[in-house]
PDB file of all heavy atoms in Angstrom:
ATOM      1  N   VAL A   1      -4.330  14.102   3.190  1.00  0.00           N
ATOM      2  CA  VAL A   1      -4.023  12.674   3.317  1.00  0.00           C
ATOM      3  C   VAL A   1      -5.196  11.830   2.825  1.00  0.00           C
ATOM      4  O   VAL A   1      -5.002  10.821   2.142  1.00  0.00           O
ATOM      5  CB  VAL A   1      -3.649  12.331   4.775  1.00  0.00           C
ATOM      6  CG1 VAL A   1      -3.433  10.843   4.949  1.00  0.00           C
ATOM      7  CG2 VAL A   1      -2.404  13.100   5.210  1.00  0.00           C
ATOM      8  N   LEU A   2      -6.408  12.249   3.131  1.00  0.00           N
ATOM      9  CA  LEU A   2      -7.594  11.556   2.644  1.00  0.00           C
ATOM     10  C   LEU A   2      -7.592  11.497   1.123  1.00  0.00           C
ATOM     11  O   LEU A   2      -7.765  10.429   0.529  1.00  0.00           O
ATOM     12  CB  LEU A   2      -8.865  12.245   3.143  1.00  0.00           C
ATOM     13  CG  LEU A   2     -10.179  11.740   2.552  1.00  0.00           C
ATOM     14  CD1 LEU A   2     -10.442  10.297   2.931  1.00  0.00           C
ATOM     15  CD2 LEU A   2     -11.325  12.637   2.979  1.00  0.00           C
ATOM     16  N   ALA A   3      -7.372  12.645   0.499  1.00  0.00           N
ATOM     17  CA  ALA A   3      -7.375  12.711  -0.972  1.00  0.00           C
ATOM     18  C   ALA A   3      -6.275  11.837  -1.572  1.00  0.00           C
ATOM     19  O   ALA A   3      -6.509  11.131  -2.570  1.00  0.00           O
ATOM     20  CB  ALA A   3      -7.220  14.157  -1.429  1.00  0.00           C
ATOM     21  N   GLU A   4      -5.097  11.869  -0.999  1.00  0.00           N
ATOM     22  CA  GLU A   4      -3.993  11.043  -1.511  1.00  0.00           C
ATOM     23  C   GLU A   4      -4.328   9.561  -1.411  1.00  0.00           C
ATOM     24  O   GLU A   4      -4.088   8.789  -2.340  1.00  0.00           O
ATOM     25  CB  GLU A   4      -2.704  11.349  -0.741  1.00  0.00           C
ATOM     26  CG  GLU A   4      -2.151  12.724  -1.022  1.00  0.00           C
ATOM     27  CD  GLU A   4      -1.014  13.117  -0.085  1.00  0.00           C
ATOM     28  OE1 GLU A   4      -0.830  12.461   0.977  1.00  0.00           O
ATOM     29  OE2 GLU A   4      -0.313  14.086  -0.409  1.00  0.00           O
ATOM     30  N   GLY A   5      -4.886   9.152  -0.289  1.00  0.00           N
ATOM     31  CA  GLY A   5      -5.271   7.757  -0.114  1.00  0.00           C
ATOM     32  C   GLY A   5      -6.373   7.341  -1.070  1.00  0.00           C
ATOM     33  O   GLY A   5      -6.347   6.248  -1.636  1.00  0.00           O
ATOM     34  N   LEU A   6      -7.355   8.219  -1.269  1.00  0.00           N
ATOM     35  CA  LEU A   6      -8.446   7.908  -2.197  1.00  0.00           C
ATOM     36  C   LEU A   6      -7.931   7.747  -3.625  1.00  0.00           C
ATOM     37  O   LEU A   6      -8.400   6.868  -4.358  1.00  0.00           O
ATOM     38  CB  LEU A   6      -9.528   8.989  -2.129  1.00  0.00           C
ATOM     39  CG  LEU A   6     -10.333   9.029  -0.836  1.00  0.00           C
ATOM     40  CD1 LEU A   6     -11.279  10.232  -0.844  1.00  0.00           C
ATOM     41  CD2 LEU A   6     -11.092   7.736  -0.608  1.00  0.00           C
ATOM     42  N   ARG A   7      -6.965   8.565  -3.996  1.00  0.00           N
ATOM     43  CA  ARG A   7      -6.358   8.415  -5.337  1.00  0.00           C
ATOM     44  C   ARG A   7      -5.669   7.058  -5.460  1.00  0.00           C
ATOM     45  O   ARG A   7      -5.778   6.377  -6.476  1.00  0.00           O
ATOM     46  CB  ARG A   7      -5.373   9.541  -5.624  1.00  0.00           C
ATOM     47  CG  ARG A   7      -6.023  10.799  -6.144  1.00  0.00           C
ATOM     48  CD  ARG A   7      -5.018  11.796  -6.700  1.00  0.00           C
ATOM     49  NE  ARG A   7      -4.094  12.302  -5.696  1.00  0.00           N
ATOM     50  CZ  ARG A   7      -4.358  13.304  -4.863  1.00  0.00           C
ATOM     51  NH1 ARG A   7      -5.531  13.912  -4.922  1.00  0.00           N
ATOM     52  NH2 ARG A   7      -3.455  13.704  -3.998  1.00  0.00           N
ATOM     53  N   ALA A   8      -4.948   6.664  -4.425  1.00  0.00           N
ATOM     54  CA  ALA A   8      -4.256   5.372  -4.443  1.00  0.00           C
ATOM     55  C   ALA A   8      -5.256   4.220  -4.526  1.00  0.00           C
ATOM     56  O   ALA A   8      -5.055   3.265  -5.293  1.00  0.00           O
ATOM     57  CB  ALA A   8      -3.386   5.231  -3.193  1.00  0.00           C
ATOM     58  N   ILE A   9      -6.327   4.310  -3.783  1.00  0.00           N
ATOM     59  CA  ILE A   9      -7.359   3.268  -3.807  1.00  0.00           C
ATOM     60  C   ILE A   9      -8.001   3.205  -5.183  1.00  0.00           C
ATOM     61  O   ILE A   9      -8.210   2.125  -5.743  1.00  0.00           O
ATOM     62  CB  ILE A   9      -8.393   3.515  -2.692  1.00  0.00           C
ATOM     63  CG1 ILE A   9      -7.736   3.307  -1.325  1.00  0.00           C
ATOM     64  CG2 ILE A   9      -9.621   2.620  -2.869  1.00  0.00           C
ATOM     65  CD1 ILE A   9      -8.508   3.897  -0.165  1.00  0.00           C
ATOM     66  N   SER A  10      -8.295   4.358  -5.756  1.00  0.00           N
ATOM     67  CA  SER A  10      -8.882   4.402  -7.107  1.00  0.00           C
ATOM     68  C   SER A  10      -7.945   3.806  -8.146  1.00  0.00           C
ATOM     69  O   SER A  10      -8.403   3.248  -9.147  1.00  0.00           O
ATOM     70  CB  SER A  10      -9.206   5.846  -7.503  1.00  0.00           C
ATOM     71  OG  SER A  10     -10.268   6.319  -6.721  1.00  0.00           O
ATOM     72  N   ALA A  11      -6.652   3.911  -7.898  1.00  0.00           N
ATOM     73  CA  ALA A  11      -5.656   3.352  -8.826  1.00  0.00           C
ATOM     74  C   ALA A  11      -5.445   1.853  -8.596  1.00  0.00           C
ATOM     75  O   ALA A  11      -4.654   1.225  -9.291  1.00  0.00           O
ATOM     76  CB  ALA A  11      -4.335   4.096  -8.683  1.00  0.00           C
ATOM     77  N   GLY A  12      -6.130   1.291  -7.601  1.00  0.00           N
ATOM     78  CA  GLY A  12      -6.049  -0.143  -7.375  1.00  0.00           C
ATOM     79  C   GLY A  12      -5.175  -0.589  -6.222  1.00  0.00           C
ATOM     80  O   GLY A  12      -4.981  -1.786  -6.019  1.00  0.00           O
ATOM     81  N   GLN A  13      -4.633   0.346  -5.456  1.00  0.00           N
ATOM     82  CA  GLN A  13      -3.808  -0.049  -4.319  1.00  0.00           C
ATOM     83  C   GLN A  13      -4.675  -0.763  -3.293  1.00  0.00           C
ATOM     84  O   GLN A  13      -5.736  -0.273  -2.909  1.00  0.00           O
ATOM     85  CB  GLN A  13      -3.142   1.188  -3.696  1.00  0.00           C
ATOM     86  CG  GLN A  13      -2.162   0.843  -2.602  1.00  0.00           C
ATOM     87  CD  GLN A  13      -1.322   2.034  -2.182  1.00  0.00           C
ATOM     88  OE1 GLN A  13      -0.955   2.862  -3.002  1.00  0.00           O
ATOM     89  NE2 GLN A  13      -1.029   2.125  -0.905  1.00  0.00           N
ATOM     90  N   ALA A  14      -4.239  -1.921  -2.842  1.00  0.00           N
ATOM     91  CA  ALA A  14      -5.031  -2.754  -1.933  1.00  0.00           C
ATOM     92  C   ALA A  14      -4.465  -2.788  -0.517  1.00  0.00           C
ATOM     93  O   ALA A  14      -5.022  -3.454   0.351  1.00  0.00           O
ATOM     94  CB  ALA A  14      -5.127  -4.172  -2.482  1.00  0.00           C
ATOM     95  N   GLU A  15      -3.363  -2.086  -0.280  1.00  0.00           N
ATOM     96  CA  GLU A  15      -2.756  -2.061   1.050  1.00  0.00           C
ATOM     97  C   GLU A  15      -2.144  -0.688   1.290  1.00  0.00           C
ATOM     98  O   GLU A  15      -1.492  -0.129   0.410  1.00  0.00           O
ATOM     99  CB  GLU A  15      -1.661  -3.116   1.165  1.00  0.00           C
ATOM    100  CG  GLU A  15      -0.951  -3.107   2.481  1.00  0.00           C
ATOM    101  CD  GLU A  15       0.179  -4.126   2.564  1.00  0.00           C
ATOM    102  OE1 GLU A  15       0.169  -5.101   1.798  1.00  0.00           O
ATOM    103  OE2 GLU A  15       1.075  -3.927   3.396  1.00  0.00           O
ATOM    104  N   ILE A  16      -2.380  -0.154   2.473  1.00  0.00           N
ATOM    105  CA  ILE A  16      -1.746   1.099   2.878  1.00  0.00           C
ATOM    106  C   ILE A  16      -0.985   0.818   4.166  1.00  0.00           C
ATOM    107  O   ILE A  16      -1.569   0.397   5.168  1.00  0.00           O
ATOM    108  CB  ILE A  16      -2.768   2.236   3.061  1.00  0.00           C
ATOM    109  CG1 ILE A  16      -3.446   2.542   1.724  1.00  0.00           C
ATOM    110  CG2 ILE A  16      -2.089   3.482   3.627  1.00  0.00           C
ATOM    111  CD1 ILE A  16      -4.510   3.618   1.780  1.00  0.00           C
ATOM    112  N   ASP A  17       0.314   1.038   4.130  1.00  0.00           N
ATOM    113  CA  ASP A  17       1.195   0.810   5.265  1.00  0.00           C
ATOM    114  C   ASP A  17       1.193   2.061   6.147  1.00  0.00           C
ATOM    115  O   ASP A  17       1.544   3.148   5.700  1.00  0.00           O
ATOM    116  CB  ASP A  17       2.604   0.510   4.753  1.00  0.00           C
ATOM    117  CG  ASP A  17       3.595   0.213   5.860  1.00  0.00           C
ATOM    118  OD1 ASP A  17       3.241   0.294   7.052  1.00  0.00           O
ATOM    119  OD2 ASP A  17       4.752  -0.103   5.521  1.00  0.00           O
ATOM    120  N   LEU A  18       0.803   1.898   7.388  1.00  0.00           N
ATOM    121  CA  LEU A  18       0.674   3.016   8.322  1.00  0.00           C
ATOM    122  C   LEU A  18       1.879   3.166   9.246  1.00  0.00           C
ATOM    123  O   LEU A  18       1.855   3.968  10.172  1.00  0.00           O
ATOM    124  CB  LEU A  18      -0.598   2.818   9.159  1.00  0.00           C
ATOM    125  CG  LEU A  18      -1.891   2.613   8.370  1.00  0.00           C
ATOM    126  CD1 LEU A  18      -3.030   2.221   9.308  1.00  0.00           C
ATOM    127  CD2 LEU A  18      -2.232   3.855   7.572  1.00  0.00           C
ATOM    128  N   SER A  19       2.926   2.427   8.996  1.00  0.00           N
ATOM    129  CA  SER A  19       4.051   2.361   9.935  1.00  0.00           C
ATOM    130  C   SER A  19       4.780   3.679  10.139  1.00  0.00           C
ATOM    131  O   SER A  19       5.414   3.871  11.177  1.00  0.00           O
ATOM    132  CB  SER A  19       5.048   1.289   9.495  1.00  0.00           C
ATOM    133  OG  SER A  19       5.610   1.606   8.240  1.00  0.00           O
ATOM    134  N   ARG A  20       4.722   4.589   9.198  1.00  0.00           N
ATOM    135  CA  ARG A  20       5.431   5.866   9.354  1.00  0.00           C
ATOM    136  C   ARG A  20       4.676   6.862  10.227  1.00  0.00           C
ATOM    137  O   ARG A  20       5.241   7.880  10.638  1.00  0.00           O
ATOM    138  CB  ARG A  20       5.706   6.480   7.983  1.00  0.00           C
ATOM    139  CG  ARG A  20       6.732   5.690   7.205  1.00  0.00           C
ATOM    140  CD  ARG A  20       6.988   6.178   5.806  1.00  0.00           C
ATOM    141  NE  ARG A  20       6.875   7.601   5.620  1.00  0.00           N
ATOM    142  CZ  ARG A  20       6.746   8.189   4.436  1.00  0.00           C
ATOM    143  NH1 ARG A  20       6.724   7.464   3.344  1.00  0.00           N
ATOM    144  NH2 ARG A  20       6.648   9.492   4.335  1.00  0.00           N
ATOM    145  N   LEU A  21       3.405   6.594  10.505  1.00  0.00           N
ATOM    146  CA  LEU A  21       2.619   7.537  11.304  1.00  0.00           C
ATOM    147  C   LEU A  21       3.146   7.600  12.733  1.00  0.00           C
ATOM    148  O   LEU A  21       3.235   6.589  13.414  1.00  0.00           O
ATOM    149  CB  LEU A  21       1.148   7.134  11.319  1.00  0.00           C
ATOM    150  CG  LEU A  21       0.385   7.348  10.024  1.00  0.00           C
ATOM    151  CD1 LEU A  21      -1.021   6.776  10.141  1.00  0.00           C
ATOM    152  CD2 LEU A  21       0.330   8.827   9.678  1.00  0.00           C
ATOM    153  N   ALA A  22       3.459   8.796  13.173  1.00  0.00           N
ATOM    154  CA  ALA A  22       3.940   9.007  14.532  1.00  0.00           C
ATOM    155  C   ALA A  22       2.967   9.863  15.341  1.00  0.00           C
ATOM    156  O   ALA A  22       2.864   9.710  16.550  1.00  0.00           O
ATOM    157  CB  ALA A  22       5.310   9.677  14.514  1.00  0.00           C
ATOM    158  N   THR A  23       2.252  10.757  14.667  1.00  0.00           N
ATOM    159  CA  THR A  23       1.318  11.651  15.340  1.00  0.00           C
ATOM    160  C   THR A  23      -0.049  11.503  14.690  1.00  0.00           C
ATOM    161  O   THR A  23      -0.187  11.719  13.482  1.00  0.00           O
ATOM    162  CB  THR A  23       1.793  13.118  15.224  1.00  0.00           C
ATOM    163  OG1 THR A  23       3.123  13.219  15.731  1.00  0.00           O
ATOM    164  CG2 THR A  23       0.886  14.053  15.989  1.00  0.00           C
ATOM    165  N   VAL A  24      -1.034  11.116  15.498  1.00  0.00           N
ATOM    166  CA  VAL A  24      -2.396  10.935  14.987  1.00  0.00           C
ATOM    167  C   VAL A  24      -3.386  11.530  15.979  1.00  0.00           C
ATOM    168  O   VAL A  24      -3.074  11.712  17.155  1.00  0.00           O
ATOM    169  CB  VAL A  24      -2.730   9.447  14.755  1.00  0.00           C
ATOM    170  CG1 VAL A  24      -1.858   8.843  13.675  1.00  0.00           C
ATOM    171  CG2 VAL A  24      -2.618   8.643  16.029  1.00  0.00           C
ATOM    172  N   ASP A  25      -4.577  11.832  15.470  1.00  0.00           N
ATOM    173  CA  ASP A  25      -5.693  12.217  16.331  1.00  0.00           C
ATOM    174  C   ASP A  25      -6.954  11.595  15.743  1.00  0.00           C
ATOM    175  O   ASP A  25      -6.875  10.749  14.845  1.00  0.00           O
ATOM    176  CB  ASP A  25      -5.782  13.739  16.518  1.00  0.00           C
ATOM    177  CG  ASP A  25      -6.111  14.519  15.251  1.00  0.00           C
ATOM    178  OD1 ASP A  25      -6.546  13.907  14.244  1.00  0.00           O
ATOM    179  OD2 ASP A  25      -5.956  15.747  15.255  1.00  0.00           O
ATOM    180  N   SER A  26      -8.105  12.003  16.216  1.00  0.00           N
ATOM    181  CA  SER A  26      -9.347  11.382  15.768  1.00  0.00           C
ATOM    182  C   SER A  26      -9.578  11.537  14.269  1.00  0.00           C
ATOM    183  O   SER A  26     -10.270  10.721  13.657  1.00  0.00           O
ATOM    184  CB  SER A  26     -10.537  11.935  16.550  1.00  0.00           C
ATOM    185  OG  SER A  26     -10.631  13.328  16.377  1.00  0.00           O
ATOM    186  N   ALA A  27      -8.987  12.539  13.652  1.00  0.00           N
ATOM    187  CA  ALA A  27      -9.116  12.703  12.200  1.00  0.00           C
ATOM    188  C   ALA A  27      -8.483  11.525  11.463  1.00  0.00           C
ATOM    189  O   ALA A  27      -8.923  11.173  10.361  1.00  0.00           O
ATOM    190  CB  ALA A  27      -8.474  14.017  11.753  1.00  0.00           C
ATOM    191  N   ALA A  28      -7.488  10.901  12.051  1.00  0.00           N
ATOM    192  CA  ALA A  28      -6.870   9.725  11.435  1.00  0.00           C
ATOM    193  C   ALA A  28      -7.874   8.585  11.355  1.00  0.00           C
ATOM    194  O   ALA A  28      -7.967   7.895  10.336  1.00  0.00           O
ATOM    195  CB  ALA A  28      -5.635   9.295  12.221  1.00  0.00           C
ATOM    196  N   VAL A  29      -8.627   8.383  12.413  1.00  0.00           N
ATOM    197  CA  VAL A  29      -9.633   7.322  12.418  1.00  0.00           C
ATOM    198  C   VAL A  29     -10.677   7.596  11.344  1.00  0.00           C
ATOM    199  O   VAL A  29     -11.061   6.697  10.586  1.00  0.00           O
ATOM    200  CB  VAL A  29     -10.280   7.186  13.818  1.00  0.00           C
ATOM    201  CG1 VAL A  29     -11.394   6.161  13.797  1.00  0.00           C
ATOM    202  CG2 VAL A  29      -9.232   6.837  14.861  1.00  0.00           C
TER     203      VAL A  29
END
């Protein structure tokens, strides 16, 4: 997930919608 997000940020994405997240732990932070 980190790598996917970093690719999106590198491509210029300025917003990440977190609404689909249902299960998280400290790694999410």
